[in-house]
C-alpha atoms as a PDB file:
ATOM      1  CA  MET A   1     -69.146  58.012  87.665  1.00  0.00           C
ATOM      2  CA  ALA A   2     -68.941  58.155  83.868  1.00  0.00           C
ATOM      3  CA  ASN A   3     -65.675  57.185  81.979  1.00  0.00           C
ATOM      4  CA  SER A   4     -64.218  59.932  80.056  1.00  0.00           C
ATOM      5  CA  PRO A   5     -63.180  59.056  76.528  1.00  0.00           C
ATOM      6  CA  ALA A   6     -59.622  57.867  76.044  1.00  0.00           C
ATOM      7  CA  HIS A   7     -57.275  60.405  74.751  1.00  0.00           C
ATOM      8  CA  TYR A   8     -55.095  59.085  72.091  1.00  0.00           C
ATOM      9  CA  LYS A   9     -53.041  60.004  69.013  1.00  0.00           C
ATOM     10  CA  VAL A  10     -52.185  58.218  65.777  1.00  0.00           C
ATOM     11  CA  TYR A  11     -48.792  58.601  64.256  1.00  0.00           C
ATOM     12  CA  VAL A  12     -47.828  57.024  61.041  1.00  0.00           C
ATOM     13  CA  ILE A  13     -44.175  56.297  60.433  1.00  0.00           C
ATOM     14  CA  ARG A  14     -42.660  55.813  57.019  1.00  0.00           C
ATOM     15  CA  HIS A  15     -39.177  54.743  56.221  1.00  0.00           C
ATOM     16  CA  TRP A  16     -37.400  54.209  53.023  1.00  0.00           C
ATOM     17  CA  GLU A  17     -33.972  54.172  51.481  1.00  0.00           C
ATOM     18  CA  GLU A  18     -32.548  56.437  48.734  1.00  0.00           C
ATOM     19  CA  GLN A  19     -29.498  55.314  46.711  1.00  0.00           C
ATOM     20  CA  ASN A  20     -26.866  57.780  45.293  1.00  0.00           C
ATOM     21  CA  LEU A  21     -25.529  56.098  42.355  1.00  0.00           C
ATOM     22  CA  SER A  22     -22.715  58.462  41.783  1.00  0.00           C
ATOM     23  CA  THR A  23     -21.393  58.110  45.302  1.00  0.00           C
ATOM     24  CA  ASN A  24     -22.693  54.599  45.930  1.00  0.00           C
ATOM     25  CA  THR A  25     -24.338  55.436  49.379  1.00  0.00           C
ATOM     26  CA  THR A  26     -27.638  54.848  50.795  1.00  0.00           C
ATOM     27  CA  VAL A  27     -29.471  57.478  52.944  1.00  0.00           C
ATOM     28  CA  CYS A  28     -32.327  56.544  55.142  1.00  0.00           C
ATOM     29  CA  ARG A  29     -35.421  58.848  55.140  1.00  0.00           C
ATOM     30  CA  PHE A  30     -38.315  59.081  57.585  1.00  0.00           C
ATOM     31  CA  THR A  31     -41.608  60.857  57.780  1.00  0.00           C
ATOM     32  CA  LEU A  32     -43.943  61.189  60.831  1.00  0.00           C
ATOM     33  CA  GLU A  33     -47.493  61.983  59.899  1.00  0.00           C
ATOM     34  CA  LEU A  34     -50.423  62.964  62.032  1.00  0.00           C
ATOM     35  CA  PRO A  35     -53.559  61.776  60.350  1.00  0.00           C
ATOM     36  CA  SER A  36     -55.782  63.916  62.541  1.00  0.00           C
ATOM     37  CA  THR A  37     -54.170  67.027  61.218  1.00  0.00           C
ATOM     38  CA  GLY A  38     -52.452  65.870  57.970  1.00  0.00           C
ATOM     39  CA  GLN A  39     -49.286  67.153  59.422  1.00  0.00           C
ATOM     40  CA  ARG A  40     -46.245  65.506  57.935  1.00  0.00           C
ATOM     41  CA  LEU A  41     -42.604  65.942  59.018  1.00  0.00           C
ATOM     42  CA  GLY A  42     -39.466  64.689  57.389  1.00  0.00           C
ATOM     43  CA  PHE A  43     -36.293  63.370  58.980  1.00  0.00           C
ATOM     44  CA  THR A  44     -33.051  62.080  57.768  1.00  0.00           C
ATOM     45  CA  SER A  45     -31.950  60.160  60.814  1.00  0.00           C
ATOM     46  CA  SER A  46     -33.740  57.666  63.130  1.00  0.00           C
ATOM     47  CA  GLU A  47     -32.454  59.708  66.242  1.00  0.00           C
ATOM     48  CA  ALA A  48     -34.228  62.913  65.029  1.00  0.00           C
ATOM     49  CA  LEU A  49     -37.523  60.987  64.513  1.00  0.00           C
ATOM     50  CA  LEU A  50     -37.311  59.312  67.889  1.00  0.00           C
ATOM     51  CA  ASN A  51     -36.545  62.720  69.567  1.00  0.00           C
ATOM     52  CA  GLU A  52     -39.514  64.330  67.892  1.00  0.00           C
ATOM     53  CA  ILE A  53     -41.706  61.334  68.978  1.00  0.00           C
ATOM     54  CA  GLU A  54     -40.436  61.716  72.700  1.00  0.00           C
ATOM     55  CA  ARG A  55     -41.024  65.201  72.574  1.00  0.00           C
ATOM     56  CA  ARG A  56     -44.645  64.880  71.425  1.00  0.00           C
ATOM     57  CA  LEU A  57     -45.282  62.113  73.963  1.00  0.00           C
ATOM     58  CA  ALA A  58     -43.816  64.415  76.936  1.00  0.00           C
ATOM     59  CA  GLU A  59     -46.042  67.124  75.798  1.00  0.00           C
ATOM     60  CA  SER A  60     -49.081  64.856  75.708  1.00  0.00           C
ATOM     61  CA  ALA A  61     -48.254  63.312  79.154  1.00  0.00           C
ATOM     62  CA  GLU A  62     -47.798  66.961  80.572  1.00  0.00           C
ATOM     63  CA  ALA A  63     -51.170  67.971  79.220  1.00  0.00           C
ATOM     64  CA  THR A  64     -52.866  64.742  80.756  1.00  0.00           C
ATOM     65  CA  ASP A  65     -51.162  65.319  84.055  1.00  0.00           C
ATOM     66  CA  LYS A  66     -52.518  68.922  84.059  1.00  0.00           C
ATOM     67  CA  LEU A  67     -56.017  67.993  83.134  1.00  0.00           C
ATOM     68  CA  SER A  68     -55.941  65.324  85.863  1.00  0.00           C
ATOM     69  CA  SER A  69     -54.868  67.892  88.564  1.00  0.00           C
ATOM     70  CA  GLU A  70     -57.682  70.121  87.645  1.00  0.00           C
ATOM     71  CA  ASN A  71     -60.288  67.672  88.177  1.00  0.00           C
END
């Protein structure tokens, strides 16, 4: 029985802080990049970033389960 290639995705997460000198506040910024497609998504909170990652992982798991049940 031949092994099927592993299915995987690569995500690049970037984080930086922007300071507003007039209000003396710092805002966190995040990007989630998918190098395979070049898609880049921006977020202003870690919660929103994590929600998107969880959503994508759930979609991937559902697709894998569907493929496994078809074989």
